[in-house]
Amino acid sequence: MKIASKRTLHDMELRVHGATWNTIAEYLGRHKRVLTRWVGYYAADWQRLFSEAEQRAADELPRPS
């Protein structure tokens, strides 16, 4: 298992928050194919980031009365 740097984790957050791979690649000045490898290289971090984002979204939903 590879460990993502703080910078990579920050950059991964862009995708978690809805930016497209193309947008992220342009913003970071990197190739899209490098960025899409994050999913496999940093699978545990990726899963954690998306789980946290899903939980935040669920917490923002209105509670039934």
PDB file of N, CA and C in Angstrom:
ATOM      1  N   MET A   1       0.839  -1.177   0.000  1.00  0.00           N
ATOM      2  CA  MET A   1       0.000   0.000   0.000  1.00  0.00           C
ATOM      3  C   MET A   1       0.884   1.240   0.000  1.00  0.00           C
ATOM      4  N   LYS A   2       0.563   2.162  -0.877  1.00  0.00           N
ATOM      5  CA  LYS A   2       1.303   3.412  -0.940  1.00  0.00           C
ATOM      6  C   LYS A   2       0.625   4.452  -0.050  1.00  0.00           C
ATOM      7  N   ILE A   3       1.443   5.336   0.491  1.00  0.00           N
ATOM      8  CA  ILE A   3       0.929   6.396   1.345  1.00  0.00           C
ATOM      9  C   ILE A   3       0.995   7.699   0.569  1.00  0.00           C
ATOM     10  N   ALA A   4      -0.131   8.357   0.463  1.00  0.00           N
ATOM     11  CA  ALA A   4      -0.208   9.620  -0.274  1.00  0.00           C
ATOM     12  C   ALA A   4       0.397  10.748   0.550  1.00  0.00           C
ATOM     13  N   SER A   5       1.084  11.651  -0.130  1.00  0.00           N
ATOM     14  CA  SER A   5       1.626  12.834   0.542  1.00  0.00           C
ATOM     15  C   SER A   5       0.484  13.789   0.877  1.00  0.00           C
ATOM     16  N   LYS A   6       0.775  14.763   1.730  1.00  0.00           N
ATOM     17  CA  LYS A   6      -0.245  15.762   2.071  1.00  0.00           C
ATOM     18  C   LYS A   6      -0.702  16.495   0.819  1.00  0.00           C
ATOM     19  N   ARG A   7       0.230  16.789  -0.071  1.00  0.00           N
ATOM     20  CA  ARG A   7      -0.119  17.487  -1.311  1.00  0.00           C
ATOM     21  C   ARG A   7      -1.064  16.633  -2.167  1.00  0.00           C
ATOM     22  N   THR A   8      -0.740  15.348  -2.300  1.00  0.00           N
ATOM     23  CA  THR A   8      -1.586  14.463  -3.099  1.00  0.00           C
ATOM     24  C   THR A   8      -2.974  14.338  -2.473  1.00  0.00           C
ATOM     25  N   LEU A   9      -3.031  14.206  -1.153  1.00  0.00           N
ATOM     26  CA  LEU A   9      -4.332  14.135  -0.481  1.00  0.00           C
ATOM     27  C   LEU A   9      -5.136  15.403  -0.743  1.00  0.00           C
ATOM     28  N   HIS A  10      -4.487  16.534  -0.684  1.00  0.00           N
ATOM     29  CA  HIS A  10      -5.160  17.799  -0.974  1.00  0.00           C
ATOM     30  C   HIS A  10      -5.696  17.796  -2.405  1.00  0.00           C
ATOM     31  N   ASP A  11      -4.874  17.346  -3.339  1.00  0.00           N
ATOM     32  CA  ASP A  11      -5.284  17.309  -4.744  1.00  0.00           C
ATOM     33  C   ASP A  11      -6.406  16.308  -4.972  1.00  0.00           C
ATOM     34  N   MET A  12      -6.386  15.190  -4.243  1.00  0.00           N
ATOM     35  CA  MET A  12      -7.444  14.199  -4.355  1.00  0.00           C
ATOM     36  C   MET A  12      -8.778  14.781  -3.889  1.00  0.00           C
ATOM     37  N   GLU A  13      -8.719  15.677  -2.931  1.00  0.00           N
ATOM     38  CA  GLU A  13      -9.939  16.321  -2.428  1.00  0.00           C
ATOM     39  C   GLU A  13     -10.676  17.056  -3.537  1.00  0.00           C
ATOM     40  N   LEU A  14      -9.945  17.551  -4.531  1.00  0.00           N
ATOM     41  CA  LEU A  14     -10.598  18.240  -5.645  1.00  0.00           C
ATOM     42  C   LEU A  14     -11.594  17.315  -6.339  1.00  0.00           C
ATOM     43  N   ARG A  15     -11.196  16.076  -6.536  1.00  0.00           N
ATOM     44  CA  ARG A  15     -12.081  15.101  -7.182  1.00  0.00           C
ATOM     45  C   ARG A  15     -13.242  14.741  -6.274  1.00  0.00           C
ATOM     46  N   VAL A  16     -12.949  14.563  -4.997  1.00  0.00           N
ATOM     47  CA  VAL A  16     -13.986  14.210  -4.024  1.00  0.00           C
ATOM     48  C   VAL A  16     -15.073  15.281  -3.988  1.00  0.00           C
ATOM     49  N   HIS A  17     -14.670  16.534  -4.209  1.00  0.00           N
ATOM     50  CA  HIS A  17     -15.628  17.636  -4.167  1.00  0.00           C
ATOM     51  C   HIS A  17     -16.288  17.892  -5.512  1.00  0.00           C
ATOM     52  N   GLY A  18     -16.056  17.004  -6.488  1.00  0.00           N
ATOM     53  CA  GLY A  18     -16.823  17.058  -7.725  1.00  0.00           C
ATOM     54  C   GLY A  18     -16.120  17.568  -8.963  1.00  0.00           C
ATOM     55  N   ALA A  19     -14.879  17.995  -8.852  1.00  0.00           N
ATOM     56  CA  ALA A  19     -14.155  18.446 -10.044  1.00  0.00           C
ATOM     57  C   ALA A  19     -13.884  17.251 -10.958  1.00  0.00           C
ATOM     58  N   THR A  20     -13.912  17.488 -12.255  1.00  0.00           N
ATOM     59  CA  THR A  20     -13.635  16.410 -13.200  1.00  0.00           C
ATOM     60  C   THR A  20     -12.133  16.163 -13.278  1.00  0.00           C
ATOM     61  N   TRP A  21     -11.757  14.982 -13.762  1.00  0.00           N
ATOM     62  CA  TRP A  21     -10.337  14.677 -13.938  1.00  0.00           C
ATOM     63  C   TRP A  21      -9.686  15.683 -14.880  1.00  0.00           C
ATOM     64  N   ASN A  22     -10.394  16.052 -15.940  1.00  0.00           N
ATOM     65  CA  ASN A  22      -9.841  17.013 -16.895  1.00  0.00           C
ATOM     66  C   ASN A  22      -9.596  18.368 -16.244  1.00  0.00           C
ATOM     67  N   THR A  23     -10.538  18.818 -15.430  1.00  0.00           N
ATOM     68  CA  THR A  23     -10.397  20.097 -14.747  1.00  0.00           C
ATOM     69  C   THR A  23      -9.222  20.064 -13.774  1.00  0.00           C
ATOM     70  N   ILE A  24      -9.108  18.989 -13.026  1.00  0.00           N
ATOM     71  CA  ILE A  24      -8.011  18.852 -12.058  1.00  0.00           C
ATOM     72  C   ILE A  24      -6.672  18.820 -12.779  1.00  0.00           C
ATOM     73  N   ALA A  25      -6.607  18.050 -13.862  1.00  0.00           N
ATOM     74  CA  ALA A  25      -5.357  17.951 -14.627  1.00  0.00           C
ATOM     75  C   ALA A  25      -4.928  19.322 -15.131  1.00  0.00           C
ATOM     76  N   GLU A  26      -5.863  20.078 -15.655  1.00  0.00           N
ATOM     77  CA  GLU A  26      -5.551  21.417 -16.160  1.00  0.00           C
ATOM     78  C   GLU A  26      -5.105  22.331 -15.018  1.00  0.00           C
ATOM     79  N   TYR A  27      -5.828  22.289 -13.920  1.00  0.00           N
ATOM     80  CA  TYR A  27      -5.529  23.133 -12.759  1.00  0.00           C
ATOM     81  C   TYR A  27      -4.144  22.838 -12.187  1.00  0.00           C
ATOM     82  N   LEU A  28      -3.805  21.539 -12.105  1.00  0.00           N
ATOM     83  CA  LEU A  28      -2.527  21.143 -11.515  1.00  0.00           C
ATOM     84  C   LEU A  28      -1.390  21.105 -12.530  1.00  0.00           C
ATOM     85  N   GLY A  29      -1.731  21.198 -13.812  1.00  0.00           N
ATOM     86  CA  GLY A  29      -0.706  21.115 -14.844  1.00  0.00           C
ATOM     87  C   GLY A  29      -0.109  19.720 -14.956  1.00  0.00           C
ATOM     88  N   ARG A  30      -0.958  18.715 -14.803  1.00  0.00           N
ATOM     89  CA  ARG A  30      -0.514  17.321 -14.869  1.00  0.00           C
ATOM     90  C   ARG A  30      -1.360  16.590 -15.898  1.00  0.00           C
ATOM     91  N   HIS A  31      -0.904  15.416 -16.282  1.00  0.00           N
ATOM     92  CA  HIS A  31      -1.657  14.597 -17.224  1.00  0.00           C
ATOM     93  C   HIS A  31      -2.789  13.876 -16.500  1.00  0.00           C
ATOM     94  N   LYS A  32      -3.936  13.833 -17.158  1.00  0.00           N
ATOM     95  CA  LYS A  32      -5.105  13.168 -16.593  1.00  0.00           C
ATOM     96  C   LYS A  32      -4.797  11.714 -16.228  1.00  0.00           C
ATOM     97  N   ARG A  33      -4.039  11.033 -17.066  1.00  0.00           N
ATOM     98  CA  ARG A  33      -3.774   9.610 -16.814  1.00  0.00           C
ATOM     99  C   ARG A  33      -2.990   9.404 -15.514  1.00  0.00           C
ATOM    100  N   VAL A  34      -2.145  10.369 -15.141  1.00  0.00           N
ATOM    101  CA  VAL A  34      -1.423  10.275 -13.871  1.00  0.00           C
ATOM    102  C   VAL A  34      -2.402  10.389 -12.711  1.00  0.00           C
ATOM    103  N   LEU A  35      -3.332  11.317 -12.826  1.00  0.00           N
ATOM    104  CA  LEU A  35      -4.289  11.551 -11.747  1.00  0.00           C
ATOM    105  C   LEU A  35      -5.235  10.370 -11.555  1.00  0.00           C
ATOM    106  N   THR A  36      -5.674   9.770 -12.636  1.00  0.00           N
ATOM    107  CA  THR A  36      -6.623   8.655 -12.507  1.00  0.00           C
ATOM    108  C   THR A  36      -5.982   7.429 -11.860  1.00  0.00           C
ATOM    109  N   ARG A  37      -4.675   7.383 -11.839  1.00  0.00           N
ATOM    110  CA  ARG A  37      -3.975   6.267 -11.167  1.00  0.00           C
ATOM    111  C   ARG A  37      -4.080   6.363  -9.650  1.00  0.00           C
ATOM    112  N   TRP A  38      -4.427   7.537  -9.142  1.00  0.00           N
ATOM    113  CA  TRP A  38      -4.569   7.699  -7.694  1.00  0.00           C
ATOM    114  C   TRP A  38      -5.524   6.673  -7.110  1.00  0.00           C
ATOM    115  N   VAL A  39      -6.580   6.381  -7.847  1.00  0.00           N
ATOM    116  CA  VAL A  39      -7.607   5.470  -7.344  1.00  0.00           C
ATOM    117  C   VAL A  39      -6.999   4.123  -6.955  1.00  0.00           C
ATOM    118  N   GLY A  40      -6.096   3.618  -7.771  1.00  0.00           N
ATOM    119  CA  GLY A  40      -5.457   2.349  -7.462  1.00  0.00           C
ATOM    120  C   GLY A  40      -4.270   2.470  -6.523  1.00  0.00           C
ATOM    121  N   TYR A  41      -3.460   3.495  -6.740  1.00  0.00           N
ATOM    122  CA  TYR A  41      -2.252   3.667  -5.923  1.00  0.00           C
ATOM    123  C   TYR A  41      -2.580   3.948  -4.459  1.00  0.00           C
ATOM    124  N   TYR A  42      -3.582   4.748  -4.250  1.00  0.00           N
ATOM    125  CA  TYR A  42      -3.926   5.182  -2.898  1.00  0.00           C
ATOM    126  C   TYR A  42      -5.342   4.748  -2.546  1.00  0.00           C
ATOM    127  N   ALA A  43      -5.635   3.492  -2.779  1.00  0.00           N
ATOM    128  CA  ALA A  43      -7.001   2.974  -2.629  1.00  0.00           C
ATOM    129  C   ALA A  43      -7.579   3.224  -1.235  1.00  0.00           C
ATOM    130  N   ALA A  44      -6.796   3.001  -0.194  1.00  0.00           N
ATOM    131  CA  ALA A  44      -7.308   3.189   1.169  1.00  0.00           C
ATOM    132  C   ALA A  44      -7.634   4.657   1.426  1.00  0.00           C
ATOM    133  N   ASP A  45      -6.751   5.556   1.011  1.00  0.00           N
ATOM    134  CA  ASP A  45      -7.004   6.989   1.189  1.00  0.00           C
ATOM    135  C   ASP A  45      -8.216   7.413   0.374  1.00  0.00           C
ATOM    136  N   TRP A  46      -8.295   6.893  -0.841  1.00  0.00           N
ATOM    137  CA  TRP A  46      -9.399   7.234  -1.736  1.00  0.00           C
ATOM    138  C   TRP A  46     -10.731   6.841  -1.114  1.00  0.00           C
ATOM    139  N   GLN A  47     -10.797   5.619  -0.602  1.00  0.00           N
ATOM    140  CA  GLN A  47     -12.027   5.127   0.019  1.00  0.00           C
ATOM    141  C   GLN A  47     -12.384   5.968   1.234  1.00  0.00           C
ATOM    142  N   ARG A  48     -11.392   6.300   2.038  1.00  0.00           N
ATOM    143  CA  ARG A  48     -11.640   7.114   3.229  1.00  0.00           C
ATOM    144  C   ARG A  48     -12.170   8.492   2.850  1.00  0.00           C
ATOM    145  N   LEU A  49     -11.549   9.133   1.859  1.00  0.00           N
ATOM    146  CA  LEU A  49     -11.986  10.465   1.445  1.00  0.00           C
ATOM    147  C   LEU A  49     -13.425  10.456   0.949  1.00  0.00           C
ATOM    148  N   PHE A  50     -13.771   9.458   0.140  1.00  0.00           N
ATOM    149  CA  PHE A  50     -15.138   9.387  -0.374  1.00  0.00           C
ATOM    150  C   PHE A  50     -16.138   9.027   0.720  1.00  0.00           C
ATOM    151  N   SER A  51     -15.744   8.156   1.632  1.00  0.00           N
ATOM    152  CA  SER A  51     -16.641   7.822   2.748  1.00  0.00           C
ATOM    153  C   SER A  51     -16.919   9.044   3.611  1.00  0.00           C
ATOM    154  N   GLU A  52     -15.868   9.828   3.881  1.00  0.00           N
ATOM    155  CA  GLU A  52     -16.036  11.048   4.671  1.00  0.00           C
ATOM    156  C   GLU A  52     -16.942  12.040   3.940  1.00  0.00           C
ATOM    157  N   ALA A  53     -16.766  12.166   2.622  1.00  0.00           N
ATOM    158  CA  ALA A  53     -17.602  13.081   1.836  1.00  0.00           C
ATOM    159  C   ALA A  53     -19.061  12.623   1.838  1.00  0.00           C
ATOM    160  N   GLU A  54     -19.276  11.315   1.713  1.00  0.00           N
ATOM    161  CA  GLU A  54     -20.636  10.783   1.756  1.00  0.00           C
ATOM    162  C   GLU A  54     -21.285  11.051   3.107  1.00  0.00           C
ATOM    163  N   GLN A  55     -20.514  10.885   4.177  1.00  0.00           N
ATOM    164  CA  GLN A  55     -21.049  11.122   5.513  1.00  0.00           C
ATOM    165  C   GLN A  55     -21.396  12.599   5.706  1.00  0.00           C
ATOM    166  N   ARG A  56     -20.536  13.494   5.227  1.00  0.00           N
ATOM    167  CA  ARG A  56     -20.833  14.934   5.323  1.00  0.00           C
ATOM    168  C   ARG A  56     -22.119  15.266   4.561  1.00  0.00           C
ATOM    169  N   ALA A  57     -22.270  14.685   3.373  1.00  0.00           N
ATOM    170  CA  ALA A  57     -23.482  14.933   2.574  1.00  0.00           C
ATOM    171  C   ALA A  57     -24.715  14.406   3.294  1.00  0.00           C
ATOM    172  N   ALA A  58     -24.608  13.225   3.891  1.00  0.00           N
ATOM    173  CA  ALA A  58     -25.739  12.638   4.615  1.00  0.00           C
ATOM    174  C   ALA A  58     -26.091  13.485   5.835  1.00  0.00           C
ATOM    175  N   ASP A  59     -25.084  14.029   6.502  1.00  0.00           N
ATOM    176  CA  ASP A  59     -25.321  14.857   7.686  1.00  0.00           C
ATOM    177  C   ASP A  59     -26.035  16.161   7.328  1.00  0.00           C
ATOM    178  N   GLU A  60     -25.897  16.605   6.087  1.00  0.00           N
ATOM    179  CA  GLU A  60     -26.533  17.852   5.661  1.00  0.00           C
ATOM    180  C   GLU A  60     -27.984  17.669   5.226  1.00  0.00           C
ATOM    181  N   LEU A  61     -28.416  16.427   5.054  1.00  0.00           N
ATOM    182  CA  LEU A  61     -29.798  16.182   4.644  1.00  0.00           C
ATOM    183  C   LEU A  61     -30.747  16.534   5.777  1.00  0.00           C
ATOM    184  N   PRO A  62     -31.911  17.069   5.408  1.00  0.00           N
ATOM    185  CA  PRO A  62     -32.890  17.388   6.474  1.00  0.00           C
ATOM    186  C   PRO A  62     -33.387  16.112   7.144  1.00  0.00           C
ATOM    187  N   ARG A  63     -33.590  16.211   8.428  1.00  0.00           N
ATOM    188  CA  ARG A  63     -34.106  15.074   9.206  1.00  0.00           C
ATOM    189  C   ARG A  63     -35.620  15.017   9.047  1.00  0.00           C
ATOM    190  N   PRO A  64     -36.166  13.793   8.889  1.00  0.00           N
ATOM    191  CA  PRO A  64     -37.634  13.673   8.795  1.00  0.00           C
ATOM    192  C   PRO A  64     -38.282  14.099  10.117  1.00  0.00           C
ATOM    193  N   SER A  65     -39.457  14.716  10.004  1.00  0.00           N
ATOM    194  CA  SER A  65     -40.147  15.163  11.230  1.00  0.00           C
ATOM    195  C   SER A  65     -41.096  14.138  11.737  1.00  0.00           C
TER     196      SER A  65
END
